[in-house]
Every structure is written in C-alpha cells, then in structure tokens.
PDB file of all heavy atoms in Angstrom:
ATOM      1  N   VAL A   1       5.262  -3.796  -0.128  1.00  0.00           N
ATOM      2  CA  VAL A   1       4.777  -4.948  -0.902  1.00  0.00           C
ATOM      3  C   VAL A   1       4.005  -5.871   0.035  1.00  0.00           C
ATOM      4  O   VAL A   1       2.895  -6.333  -0.278  1.00  0.00           O
ATOM      5  CB  VAL A   1       5.933  -5.704  -1.589  1.00  0.00           C
ATOM      6  CG1 VAL A   1       5.442  -7.002  -2.211  1.00  0.00           C
ATOM      7  CG2 VAL A   1       6.616  -4.837  -2.642  1.00  0.00           C
ATOM      8  N   ALA A   2       4.570  -6.130   1.208  1.00  0.00           N
ATOM      9  CA  ALA A   2       3.917  -6.994   2.196  1.00  0.00           C
ATOM     10  C   ALA A   2       2.565  -6.425   2.616  1.00  0.00           C
ATOM     11  O   ALA A   2       1.590  -7.174   2.774  1.00  0.00           O
ATOM     12  CB  ALA A   2       4.824  -7.191   3.407  1.00  0.00           C
ATOM     13  N   LEU A   3       2.476  -5.109   2.798  1.00  0.00           N
ATOM     14  CA  LEU A   3       1.196  -4.496   3.156  1.00  0.00           C
ATOM     15  C   LEU A   3       0.165  -4.668   2.043  1.00  0.00           C
ATOM     16  O   LEU A   3      -1.030  -4.845   2.322  1.00  0.00           O
ATOM     17  CB  LEU A   3       1.373  -3.012   3.485  1.00  0.00           C
ATOM     18  CG  LEU A   3       2.006  -2.687   4.832  1.00  0.00           C
ATOM     19  CD1 LEU A   3       2.198  -1.179   4.976  1.00  0.00           C
ATOM     20  CD2 LEU A   3       1.169  -3.232   5.985  1.00  0.00           C
ATOM     21  N   GLY A   4       0.601  -4.617   0.796  1.00  0.00           N
ATOM     22  CA  GLY A   4      -0.313  -4.856  -0.322  1.00  0.00           C
ATOM     23  C   GLY A   4      -0.890  -6.264  -0.276  1.00  0.00           C
ATOM     24  O   GLY A   4      -2.102  -6.465  -0.440  1.00  0.00           O
ATOM     25  N   ILE A   5      -0.017  -7.242  -0.036  1.00  0.00           N
ATOM     26  CA  ILE A   5      -0.463  -8.634   0.066  1.00  0.00           C
ATOM     27  C   ILE A   5      -1.396  -8.803   1.255  1.00  0.00           C
ATOM     28  O   ILE A   5      -2.487  -9.386   1.140  1.00  0.00           O
ATOM     29  CB  ILE A   5       0.747  -9.586   0.172  1.00  0.00           C
ATOM     30  CG1 ILE A   5       1.556  -9.562  -1.132  1.00  0.00           C
ATOM     31  CG2 ILE A   5       0.307 -11.009   0.504  1.00  0.00           C
ATOM     32  CD1 ILE A   5       2.897 -10.283  -1.050  1.00  0.00           C
ATOM     33  N   LEU A   6      -0.985  -8.293   2.407  1.00  0.00           N
ATOM     34  CA  LEU A   6      -1.773  -8.413   3.634  1.00  0.00           C
ATOM     35  C   LEU A   6      -3.153  -7.776   3.466  1.00  0.00           C
ATOM     36  O   LEU A   6      -4.169  -8.369   3.859  1.00  0.00           O
ATOM     37  CB  LEU A   6      -1.003  -7.741   4.768  1.00  0.00           C
ATOM     38  CG  LEU A   6      -1.580  -7.721   6.166  1.00  0.00           C
ATOM     39  CD1 LEU A   6      -0.442  -7.600   7.173  1.00  0.00           C
ATOM     40  CD2 LEU A   6      -2.566  -6.606   6.385  1.00  0.00           C
ATOM     41  N   THR A   7      -3.210  -6.605   2.868  1.00  0.00           N
ATOM     42  CA  THR A   7      -4.478  -5.899   2.677  1.00  0.00           C
ATOM     43  C   THR A   7      -5.398  -6.694   1.761  1.00  0.00           C
ATOM     44  O   THR A   7      -6.585  -6.862   2.054  1.00  0.00           O
ATOM     45  CB  THR A   7      -4.230  -4.486   2.102  1.00  0.00           C
ATOM     46  OG1 THR A   7      -3.352  -3.780   2.970  1.00  0.00           O
ATOM     47  CG2 THR A   7      -5.532  -3.708   1.955  1.00  0.00           C
ATOM     48  N   ARG A   8      -4.852  -7.200   0.676  1.00  0.00           N
ATOM     49  CA  ARG A   8      -5.664  -7.950  -0.291  1.00  0.00           C
ATOM     50  C   ARG A   8      -6.184  -9.249   0.306  1.00  0.00           C
ATOM     51  O   ARG A   8      -7.348  -9.611   0.123  1.00  0.00           O
ATOM     52  CB  ARG A   8      -4.841  -8.236  -1.555  1.00  0.00           C
ATOM     53  CG  ARG A   8      -5.609  -9.004  -2.615  1.00  0.00           C
ATOM     54  CD  ARG A   8      -6.767  -8.170  -3.157  1.00  0.00           C
ATOM     55  NE  ARG A   8      -7.549  -8.926  -4.103  1.00  0.00           N
ATOM     56  CZ  ARG A   8      -8.758  -9.460  -3.826  1.00  0.00           C
ATOM     57  NH1 ARG A   8      -9.297  -9.308  -2.639  1.00  0.00           N
ATOM     58  NH2 ARG A   8      -9.406 -10.128  -4.746  1.00  0.00           N
ATOM     59  N   ILE A   9      -5.338  -9.970   1.015  1.00  0.00           N
ATOM     60  CA  ILE A   9      -5.719 -11.278   1.544  1.00  0.00           C
ATOM     61  C   ILE A   9      -6.647 -11.161   2.750  1.00  0.00           C
ATOM     62  O   ILE A   9      -7.644 -11.873   2.843  1.00  0.00           O
ATOM     63  CB  ILE A   9      -4.471 -12.113   1.891  1.00  0.00           C
ATOM     64  CG1 ILE A   9      -3.801 -12.569   0.595  1.00  0.00           C
ATOM     65  CG2 ILE A   9      -4.828 -13.317   2.759  1.00  0.00           C
ATOM     66  CD1 ILE A   9      -2.492 -13.264   0.780  1.00  0.00           C
ATOM     67  N   SER A  10      -6.347 -10.265   3.668  1.00  0.00           N
ATOM     68  CA  SER A  10      -7.117 -10.203   4.916  1.00  0.00           C
ATOM     69  C   SER A  10      -8.374  -9.346   4.814  1.00  0.00           C
ATOM     70  O   SER A  10      -9.367  -9.633   5.475  1.00  0.00           O
ATOM     71  CB  SER A  10      -6.247  -9.668   6.053  1.00  0.00           C
ATOM     72  OG  SER A  10      -6.006  -8.278   5.875  1.00  0.00           O
ATOM     73  N   GLY A  11      -8.324  -8.269   4.051  1.00  0.00           N
ATOM     74  CA  GLY A  11      -9.440  -7.335   4.002  1.00  0.00           C
ATOM     75  C   GLY A  11      -9.684  -6.613   5.319  1.00  0.00           C
ATOM     76  O   GLY A  11     -10.729  -5.998   5.508  1.00  0.00           O
ATOM     77  N   VAL A  12      -8.700  -6.651   6.218  1.00  0.00           N
ATOM     78  CA  VAL A  12      -8.883  -6.062   7.551  1.00  0.00           C
ATOM     79  C   VAL A  12      -8.982  -4.537   7.502  1.00  0.00           C
ATOM     80  O   VAL A  12      -9.603  -3.923   8.355  1.00  0.00           O
ATOM     81  CB  VAL A  12      -7.787  -6.535   8.527  1.00  0.00           C
ATOM     82  CG1 VAL A  12      -6.427  -5.971   8.169  1.00  0.00           C
ATOM     83  CG2 VAL A  12      -8.153  -6.209   9.963  1.00  0.00           C
ATOM     84  N   VAL A  13      -8.364  -3.939   6.498  1.00  0.00           N
ATOM     85  CA  VAL A  13      -8.528  -2.504   6.234  1.00  0.00           C
ATOM     86  C   VAL A  13      -8.848  -2.360   4.750  1.00  0.00           C
ATOM     87  O   VAL A  13      -8.537  -3.235   3.943  1.00  0.00           O
ATOM     88  CB  VAL A  13      -7.269  -1.665   6.594  1.00  0.00           C
ATOM     89  CG1 VAL A  13      -7.017  -1.674   8.084  1.00  0.00           C
ATOM     90  CG2 VAL A  13      -6.057  -2.119   5.832  1.00  0.00           C
ATOM     91  N   SER A  14      -9.443  -1.245   4.387  1.00  0.00           N
ATOM     92  CA  SER A  14      -9.789  -1.039   2.985  1.00  0.00           C
ATOM     93  C   SER A  14      -8.547  -0.657   2.177  1.00  0.00           C
ATOM     94  O   SER A  14      -7.586  -0.094   2.710  1.00  0.00           O
ATOM     95  CB  SER A  14     -10.859   0.048   2.857  1.00  0.00           C
ATOM     96  OG  SER A  14     -10.309   1.316   3.169  1.00  0.00           O
ATOM     97  N   GLU A  15      -8.612  -0.963   0.903  1.00  0.00           N
ATOM     98  CA  GLU A  15      -7.509  -0.617   0.005  1.00  0.00           C
ATOM     99  C   GLU A  15      -7.286   0.900  -0.004  1.00  0.00           C
ATOM    100  O   GLU A  15      -6.153   1.375   0.077  1.00  0.00           O
ATOM    101  CB  GLU A  15      -7.818  -1.111  -1.411  1.00  0.00           C
ATOM    102  CG  GLU A  15      -6.780  -0.722  -2.431  1.00  0.00           C
ATOM    103  CD  GLU A  15      -7.151  -1.097  -3.859  1.00  0.00           C
ATOM    104  OE1 GLU A  15      -8.230  -1.664  -4.085  1.00  0.00           O
ATOM    105  OE2 GLU A  15      -6.330  -0.797  -4.754  1.00  0.00           O
ATOM    106  N   ASP A  16      -8.368   1.659  -0.079  1.00  0.00           N
ATOM    107  CA  ASP A  16      -8.270   3.112  -0.128  1.00  0.00           C
ATOM    108  C   ASP A  16      -7.619   3.677   1.138  1.00  0.00           C
ATOM    109  O   ASP A  16      -6.759   4.557   1.069  1.00  0.00           O
ATOM    110  CB  ASP A  16      -9.670   3.707  -0.326  1.00  0.00           C
ATOM    111  CG  ASP A  16      -9.626   5.201  -0.563  1.00  0.00           C
ATOM    112  OD1 ASP A  16      -8.891   5.650  -1.471  1.00  0.00           O
ATOM    113  OD2 ASP A  16     -10.329   5.932   0.169  1.00  0.00           O
ATOM    114  N   SER A  17      -8.009   3.145   2.289  1.00  0.00           N
ATOM    115  CA  SER A  17      -7.433   3.602   3.555  1.00  0.00           C
ATOM    116  C   SER A  17      -5.943   3.305   3.628  1.00  0.00           C
ATOM    117  O   SER A  17      -5.163   4.132   4.098  1.00  0.00           O
ATOM    118  CB  SER A  17      -8.143   2.930   4.731  1.00  0.00           C
ATOM    119  OG  SER A  17      -9.473   3.374   4.805  1.00  0.00           O
ATOM    120  N   MET A  18      -5.554   2.119   3.160  1.00  0.00           N
ATOM    121  CA  MET A  18      -4.137   1.755   3.177  1.00  0.00           C
ATOM    122  C   MET A  18      -3.332   2.689   2.274  1.00  0.00           C
ATOM    123  O   MET A  18      -2.256   3.149   2.648  1.00  0.00           O
ATOM    124  CB  MET A  18      -3.951   0.297   2.771  1.00  0.00           C
ATOM    125  CG  MET A  18      -2.521  -0.171   2.904  1.00  0.00           C
ATOM    126  SD  MET A  18      -1.868  -0.080   4.587  1.00  0.00           S
ATOM    127  CE  MET A  18      -2.524  -1.594   5.250  1.00  0.00           C
ATOM    128  N   ARG A  19      -3.859   2.971   1.106  1.00  0.00           N
ATOM    129  CA  ARG A  19      -3.165   3.886   0.188  1.00  0.00           C
ATOM    130  C   ARG A  19      -2.962   5.262   0.826  1.00  0.00           C
ATOM    131  O   ARG A  19      -1.884   5.843   0.749  1.00  0.00           O
ATOM    132  CB  ARG A  19      -3.939   4.021  -1.131  1.00  0.00           C
ATOM    133  CG  ARG A  19      -3.890   2.784  -1.991  1.00  0.00           C
ATOM    134  CD  ARG A  19      -4.671   2.984  -3.297  1.00  0.00           C
ATOM    135  NE  ARG A  19      -4.638   1.785  -4.091  1.00  0.00           N
ATOM    136  CZ  ARG A  19      -3.602   1.397  -4.848  1.00  0.00           C
ATOM    137  NH1 ARG A  19      -2.524   2.162  -4.910  1.00  0.00           N
ATOM    138  NH2 ARG A  19      -3.645   0.286  -5.534  1.00  0.00           N
ATOM    139  N   LYS A  20      -4.001   5.780   1.451  1.00  0.00           N
ATOM    140  CA  LYS A  20      -3.900   7.097   2.104  1.00  0.00           C
ATOM    141  C   LYS A  20      -2.874   7.072   3.231  1.00  0.00           C
ATOM    142  O   LYS A  20      -2.075   8.005   3.370  1.00  0.00           O
ATOM    143  CB  LYS A  20      -5.263   7.524   2.634  1.00  0.00           C
ATOM    144  CG  LYS A  20      -6.243   7.906   1.553  1.00  0.00           C
ATOM    145  CD  LYS A  20      -7.612   8.218   2.143  1.00  0.00           C
ATOM    146  CE  LYS A  20      -8.617   8.541   1.058  1.00  0.00           C
ATOM    147  NZ  LYS A  20      -9.974   8.710   1.617  1.00  0.00           N
ATOM    148  N   ALA A  21      -2.900   6.009   4.033  1.00  0.00           N
ATOM    149  CA  ALA A  21      -1.964   5.912   5.158  1.00  0.00           C
ATOM    150  C   ALA A  21      -0.521   5.798   4.667  1.00  0.00           C
ATOM    151  O   ALA A  21       0.389   6.391   5.258  1.00  0.00           O
ATOM    152  CB  ALA A  21      -2.327   4.725   6.049  1.00  0.00           C
ATOM    153  N   ILE A  22      -0.305   5.061   3.592  1.00  0.00           N
ATOM    154  CA  ILE A  22       1.045   4.944   3.019  1.00  0.00           C
ATOM    155  C   ILE A  22       1.525   6.320   2.585  1.00  0.00           C
ATOM    156  O   ILE A  22       2.640   6.735   2.913  1.00  0.00           O
ATOM    157  CB  ILE A  22       1.079   3.935   1.847  1.00  0.00           C
ATOM    158  CG1 ILE A  22       0.886   2.506   2.356  1.00  0.00           C
ATOM    159  CG2 ILE A  22       2.400   4.053   1.069  1.00  0.00           C
ATOM    160  CD1 ILE A  22       0.620   1.479   1.256  1.00  0.00           C
ATOM    161  N   LEU A  23       0.696   7.021   1.839  1.00  0.00           N
ATOM    162  CA  LEU A  23       1.087   8.348   1.351  1.00  0.00           C
ATOM    163  C   LEU A  23       1.370   9.321   2.487  1.00  0.00           C
ATOM    164  O   LEU A  23       2.235  10.186   2.372  1.00  0.00           O
ATOM    165  CB  LEU A  23       0.017   8.905   0.412  1.00  0.00           C
ATOM    166  CG  LEU A  23      -0.100   8.182  -0.935  1.00  0.00           C
ATOM    167  CD1 LEU A  23      -1.296   8.712  -1.724  1.00  0.00           C
ATOM    168  CD2 LEU A  23       1.186   8.297  -1.743  1.00  0.00           C
ATOM    169  N   ASP A  24       0.650   9.179   3.606  1.00  0.00           N
ATOM    170  CA  ASP A  24       0.874  10.053   4.760  1.00  0.00           C
ATOM    171  C   ASP A  24       2.175   9.739   5.494  1.00  0.00           C
ATOM    172  O   ASP A  24       2.763  10.623   6.108  1.00  0.00           O
ATOM    173  CB  ASP A  24      -0.277   9.923   5.770  1.00  0.00           C
ATOM    174  CG  ASP A  24      -1.498  10.712   5.352  1.00  0.00           C
ATOM    175  OD1 ASP A  24      -1.409  11.503   4.397  1.00  0.00           O
ATOM    176  OD2 ASP A  24      -2.546  10.529   6.001  1.00  0.00           O
ATOM    177  N   ARG A  25       2.601   8.481   5.469  1.00  0.00           N
ATOM    178  CA  ARG A  25       3.707   8.031   6.325  1.00  0.00           C
ATOM    179  C   ARG A  25       5.058   7.899   5.636  1.00  0.00           C
ATOM    180  O   ARG A  25       6.090   7.990   6.294  1.00  0.00           O
ATOM    181  CB  ARG A  25       3.357   6.664   6.915  1.00  0.00           C
ATOM    182  CG  ARG A  25       2.697   6.754   8.246  1.00  0.00           C
ATOM    183  CD  ARG A  25       3.689   7.226   9.255  1.00  0.00           C
ATOM    184  NE  ARG A  25       3.067   7.417  10.544  1.00  0.00           N
ATOM    185  CZ  ARG A  25       3.733   7.630  11.635  1.00  0.00           C
ATOM    186  NH1 ARG A  25       5.024   7.681  11.622  1.00  0.00           N
ATOM    187  NH2 ARG A  25       3.109   7.822  12.763  1.00  0.00           N
ATOM    188  N   VAL A  26       5.091   7.601   4.339  1.00  0.00           N
ATOM    189  CA  VAL A  26       6.394   7.378   3.692  1.00  0.00           C
ATOM    190  C   VAL A  26       7.114   8.711   3.505  1.00  0.00           C
ATOM    191  O   VAL A  26       6.478   9.767   3.445  1.00  0.00           O
ATOM    192  CB  VAL A  26       6.253   6.637   2.334  1.00  0.00           C
ATOM    193  CG1 VAL A  26       5.652   5.256   2.544  1.00  0.00           C
ATOM    194  CG2 VAL A  26       5.466   7.446   1.319  1.00  0.00           C
ATOM    195  N   PRO A  27       8.441   8.668   3.440  1.00  0.00           N
ATOM    196  CA  PRO A  27       9.201   9.915   3.253  1.00  0.00           C
ATOM    197  C   PRO A  27       8.787  10.653   1.972  1.00  0.00           C
ATOM    198  O   PRO A  27       8.502  10.018   0.942  1.00  0.00           O
ATOM    199  CB  PRO A  27      10.657   9.438   3.155  1.00  0.00           C
ATOM    200  CG  PRO A  27      10.669   8.104   3.825  1.00  0.00           C
ATOM    201  CD  PRO A  27       9.319   7.499   3.566  1.00  0.00           C
ATOM    202  N   LYS A  28       8.730  11.960   2.064  1.00  0.00           N
ATOM    203  CA  LYS A  28       8.381  12.776   0.901  1.00  0.00           C
ATOM    204  C   LYS A  28       9.362  12.482  -0.232  1.00  0.00           C
ATOM    205  O   LYS A  28      10.554  12.284  -0.021  1.00  0.00           O
ATOM    206  CB  LYS A  28       8.411  14.266   1.251  1.00  0.00           C
ATOM    207  CG  LYS A  28       7.389  14.654   2.293  1.00  0.00           C
ATOM    208  CD  LYS A  28       5.974  14.346   1.851  1.00  0.00           C
ATOM    209  CE  LYS A  28       4.976  14.499   2.971  1.00  0.00           C
ATOM    210  NZ  LYS A  28       3.848  13.589   2.855  1.00  0.00           N
ATOM    211  N   GLY A  29       8.818  12.396  -1.429  1.00  0.00           N
ATOM    212  CA  GLY A  29       9.628  12.082  -2.604  1.00  0.00           C
ATOM    213  C   GLY A  29       9.652  10.595  -2.936  1.00  0.00           C
ATOM    214  O   GLY A  29      10.164  10.206  -3.982  1.00  0.00           O
ATOM    215  N   THR A  30       9.093   9.759  -2.035  1.00  0.00           N
ATOM    216  CA  THR A  30       9.075   8.302  -2.293  1.00  0.00           C
ATOM    217  C   THR A  30       7.653   7.783  -2.520  1.00  0.00           C
ATOM    218  O   THR A  30       7.445   6.569  -2.592  1.00  0.00           O
ATOM    219  CB  THR A  30       9.704   7.515  -1.115  1.00  0.00           C
ATOM    220  OG1 THR A  30       8.851   7.630   0.039  1.00  0.00           O
ATOM    221  CG2 THR A  30      11.098   8.025  -0.791  1.00  0.00           C
ATOM    222  N   GLU A  31       6.707   8.683  -2.644  1.00  0.00           N
ATOM    223  CA  GLU A  31       5.310   8.274  -2.764  1.00  0.00           C
ATOM    224  C   GLU A  31       5.074   7.369  -3.976  1.00  0.00           C
ATOM    225  O   GLU A  31       4.389   6.347  -3.863  1.00  0.00           O
ATOM    226  CB  GLU A  31       4.384   9.504  -2.857  1.00  0.00           C
ATOM    227  CG  GLU A  31       4.391  10.375  -1.612  1.00  0.00           C
ATOM    228  CD  GLU A  31       5.432  11.491  -1.634  1.00  0.00           C
ATOM    229  OE1 GLU A  31       6.322  11.481  -2.522  1.00  0.00           O
ATOM    230  OE2 GLU A  31       5.367  12.359  -0.759  1.00  0.00           O
ATOM    231  N   GLU A  32       5.633   7.721  -5.118  1.00  0.00           N
ATOM    232  CA  GLU A  32       5.381   6.950  -6.347  1.00  0.00           C
ATOM    233  C   GLU A  32       5.913   5.526  -6.241  1.00  0.00           C
ATOM    234  O   GLU A  32       5.204   4.571  -6.562  1.00  0.00           O
ATOM    235  CB  GLU A  32       6.023   7.661  -7.546  1.00  0.00           C
ATOM    236  CG  GLU A  32       5.727   6.955  -8.862  1.00  0.00           C
ATOM    237  CD  GLU A  32       6.395   7.630 -10.049  1.00  0.00           C
ATOM    238  OE1 GLU A  32       6.541   8.871 -10.041  1.00  0.00           O
ATOM    239  OE2 GLU A  32       6.770   6.897 -10.966  1.00  0.00           O
ATOM    240  N   ILE A  33       7.126   5.358  -5.776  1.00  0.00           N
ATOM    241  CA  ILE A  33       7.702   4.017  -5.672  1.00  0.00           C
ATOM    242  C   ILE A  33       6.948   3.177  -4.628  1.00  0.00           C
ATOM    243  O   ILE A  33       6.744   1.978  -4.807  1.00  0.00           O
ATOM    244  CB  ILE A  33       9.223   4.041  -5.399  1.00  0.00           C
ATOM    245  CG1 ILE A  33       9.812   2.652  -5.639  1.00  0.00           C
ATOM    246  CG2 ILE A  33       9.536   4.529  -3.999  1.00  0.00           C
ATOM    247  CD1 ILE A  33      11.323   2.626  -5.699  1.00  0.00           C
ATOM    248  N   ASN A  34       6.505   3.828  -3.561  1.00  0.00           N
ATOM    249  CA  ASN A  34       5.740   3.105  -2.548  1.00  0.00           C
ATOM    250  C   ASN A  34       4.364   2.697  -3.065  1.00  0.00           C
ATOM    251  O   ASN A  34       3.869   1.615  -2.737  1.00  0.00           O
ATOM    252  CB  ASN A  34       5.650   3.916  -1.258  1.00  0.00           C
ATOM    253  CG  ASN A  34       6.909   3.782  -0.437  1.00  0.00           C
ATOM    254  OD1 ASN A  34       7.148   2.744   0.157  1.00  0.00           O
ATOM    255  ND2 ASN A  34       7.725   4.827  -0.415  1.00  0.00           N
ATOM    256  N   MET A  35       3.736   3.510  -3.870  1.00  0.00           N
ATOM    257  CA  MET A  35       2.445   3.124  -4.475  1.00  0.00           C
ATOM    258  C   MET A  35       2.640   1.973  -5.467  1.00  0.00           C
ATOM    259  O   MET A  35       1.812   1.062  -5.529  1.00  0.00           O
ATOM    260  CB  MET A  35       1.785   4.322  -5.171  1.00  0.00           C
ATOM    261  CG  MET A  35       1.125   5.293  -4.220  1.00  0.00           C
ATOM    262  SD  MET A  35      -0.266   4.593  -3.286  1.00  0.00           S
ATOM    263  CE  MET A  35       0.499   4.134  -1.755  1.00  0.00           C
ATOM    264  N   ARG A  36       3.744   1.992  -6.206  1.00  0.00           N
ATOM    265  CA  ARG A  36       4.040   0.865  -7.106  1.00  0.00           C
ATOM    266  C   ARG A  36       4.246  -0.408  -6.300  1.00  0.00           C
ATOM    267  O   ARG A  36       3.782  -1.485  -6.680  1.00  0.00           O
ATOM    268  CB  ARG A  36       5.285   1.155  -7.961  1.00  0.00           C
ATOM    269  CG  ARG A  36       4.992   2.034  -9.138  1.00  0.00           C
ATOM    270  CD  ARG A  36       6.032   2.021 -10.252  1.00  0.00           C
ATOM    271  NE  ARG A  36       7.322   1.460  -9.971  1.00  0.00           N
ATOM    272  CZ  ARG A  36       8.456   2.140  -9.849  1.00  0.00           C
ATOM    273  NH1 ARG A  36       8.452   3.440  -9.957  1.00  0.00           N
ATOM    274  NH2 ARG A  36       9.586   1.518  -9.630  1.00  0.00           N
ATOM    275  N   ALA A  37       4.948  -0.288  -5.158  1.00  0.00           N
ATOM    276  CA  ALA A  37       5.184  -1.453  -4.299  1.00  0.00           C
ATOM    277  C   ALA A  37       3.864  -1.994  -3.768  1.00  0.00           C
ATOM    278  O   ALA A  37       3.638  -3.219  -3.759  1.00  0.00           O
ATOM    279  CB  ALA A  37       6.118  -1.071  -3.142  1.00  0.00           C
ATOM    280  N   PHE A  38       2.969  -1.111  -3.324  1.00  0.00           N
ATOM    281  CA  PHE A  38       1.667  -1.550  -2.836  1.00  0.00           C
ATOM    282  C   PHE A  38       0.890  -2.249  -3.949  1.00  0.00           C
ATOM    283  O   PHE A  38       0.285  -3.308  -3.725  1.00  0.00           O
ATOM    284  CB  PHE A  38       0.874  -0.366  -2.278  1.00  0.00           C
ATOM    285  CG  PHE A  38      -0.470  -0.770  -1.727  1.00  0.00           C
ATOM    286  CD1 PHE A  38      -0.565  -1.344  -0.468  1.00  0.00           C
ATOM    287  CD2 PHE A  38      -1.628  -0.599  -2.471  1.00  0.00           C
ATOM    288  CE1 PHE A  38      -1.794  -1.744   0.043  1.00  0.00           C
ATOM    289  CE2 PHE A  38      -2.856  -0.992  -1.971  1.00  0.00           C
ATOM    290  CZ  PHE A  38      -2.944  -1.562  -0.706  1.00  0.00           C
ATOM    291  N   ASP A  39       0.905  -1.670  -5.147  1.00  0.00           N
ATOM    292  CA  ASP A  39       0.202  -2.277  -6.289  1.00  0.00           C
ATOM    293  C   ASP A  39       0.737  -3.667  -6.608  1.00  0.00           C
ATOM    294  O   ASP A  39      -0.035  -4.590  -6.889  1.00  0.00           O
ATOM    295  CB  ASP A  39       0.330  -1.388  -7.534  1.00  0.00           C
ATOM    296  CG  ASP A  39      -0.484  -0.099  -7.429  1.00  0.00           C
ATOM    297  OD1 ASP A  39      -1.431  -0.050  -6.617  1.00  0.00           O
ATOM    298  OD2 ASP A  39      -0.157   0.851  -8.160  1.00  0.00           O
ATOM    299  N   GLU A  40       2.056  -3.830  -6.569  1.00  0.00           N
ATOM    300  CA  GLU A  40       2.644  -5.151  -6.842  1.00  0.00           C
ATOM    301  C   GLU A  40       2.260  -6.151  -5.750  1.00  0.00           C
ATOM    302  O   GLU A  40       2.005  -7.328  -6.030  1.00  0.00           O
ATOM    303  CB  GLU A  40       4.165  -5.063  -6.983  1.00  0.00           C
ATOM    304  CG  GLU A  40       4.635  -4.367  -8.247  1.00  0.00           C
ATOM    305  CD  GLU A  40       4.202  -5.044  -9.539  1.00  0.00           C
ATOM    306  OE1 GLU A  40       3.999  -6.283  -9.553  1.00  0.00           O
ATOM    307  OE2 GLU A  40       4.073  -4.340 -10.559  1.00  0.00           O
ATOM    308  N   GLY A  41       2.211  -5.692  -4.501  1.00  0.00           N
ATOM    309  CA  GLY A  41       1.757  -6.558  -3.414  1.00  0.00           C
ATOM    310  C   GLY A  41       0.302  -6.953  -3.584  1.00  0.00           C
ATOM    311  O   GLY A  41      -0.072  -8.108  -3.376  1.00  0.00           O
ATOM    312  N   TRP A  42      -0.514  -5.997  -3.959  1.00  0.00           N
ATOM    313  CA  TRP A  42      -1.944  -6.261  -4.187  1.00  0.00           C
ATOM    314  C   TRP A  42      -2.107  -7.335  -5.273  1.00  0.00           C
ATOM    315  O   TRP A  42      -2.888  -8.279  -5.108  1.00  0.00           O
ATOM    316  CB  TRP A  42      -2.658  -4.969  -4.588  1.00  0.00           C
ATOM    317  CG  TRP A  42      -4.137  -5.114  -4.707  1.00  0.00           C
ATOM    318  CD1 TRP A  42      -4.855  -5.463  -5.825  1.00  0.00           C
ATOM    319  CD2 TRP A  42      -5.097  -4.935  -3.670  1.00  0.00           C
ATOM    320  NE1 TRP A  42      -6.180  -5.509  -5.530  1.00  0.00           N
ATOM    321  CE2 TRP A  42      -6.372  -5.181  -4.216  1.00  0.00           C
ATOM    322  CE3 TRP A  42      -5.014  -4.583  -2.324  1.00  0.00           C
ATOM    323  CZ2 TRP A  42      -7.553  -5.094  -3.485  1.00  0.00           C
ATOM    324  CZ3 TRP A  42      -6.180  -4.498  -1.582  1.00  0.00           C
ATOM    325  CH2 TRP A  42      -7.437  -4.753  -2.164  1.00  0.00           C
ATOM    326  N   LYS A  43      -1.357  -7.185  -6.388  1.00  0.00           N
ATOM    327  CA  LYS A  43      -1.418  -8.173  -7.482  1.00  0.00           C
ATOM    328  C   LYS A  43      -0.979  -9.547  -6.993  1.00  0.00           C
ATOM    329  O   LYS A  43      -1.579 -10.569  -7.346  1.00  0.00           O
ATOM    330  CB  LYS A  43      -0.532  -7.742  -8.652  1.00  0.00           C
ATOM    331  CG  LYS A  43      -1.061  -6.598  -9.463  1.00  0.00           C
ATOM    332  CD  LYS A  43      -0.153  -6.365 -10.653  1.00  0.00           C
ATOM    333  CE  LYS A  43       0.070  -4.911 -10.878  1.00  0.00           C
ATOM    334  NZ  LYS A  43       1.109  -4.621 -11.862  1.00  0.00           N
ATOM    335  N   ALA A  44       0.085  -9.594  -6.191  1.00  0.00           N
ATOM    336  CA  ALA A  44       0.550 -10.876  -5.646  1.00  0.00           C
ATOM    337  C   ALA A  44      -0.504 -11.489  -4.741  1.00  0.00           C
ATOM    338  O   ALA A  44      -0.735 -12.704  -4.764  1.00  0.00           O
ATOM    339  CB  ALA A  44       1.866 -10.672  -4.881  1.00  0.00           C
TER     340      ALA A  44
END
C-alpha cells in the first residue's frame, strides 16, 4: 500500500514498472492481494 502511495506521489518510478517489480518479488500465490494493495495505495 505504501509503495502505491509513494509511486503515485513521487513519480520516481513508473506505475507499470512498480507493478512488474511487485509481481516478480512477492511470494507466489500472493500476487492478486498485492496488486489490490498497490491499487488501494495508488488511490490513496
């Protein structure tokens, strides 16, 4: 969630790049919940 907020506010990395990096790094089977968390952070 914090990464979603940070990405939206700072623009230091692209949204697409952050999404790809999250999917590469989070434990397998948790991709969907982590994408929801990023989306909620982005909205915030």
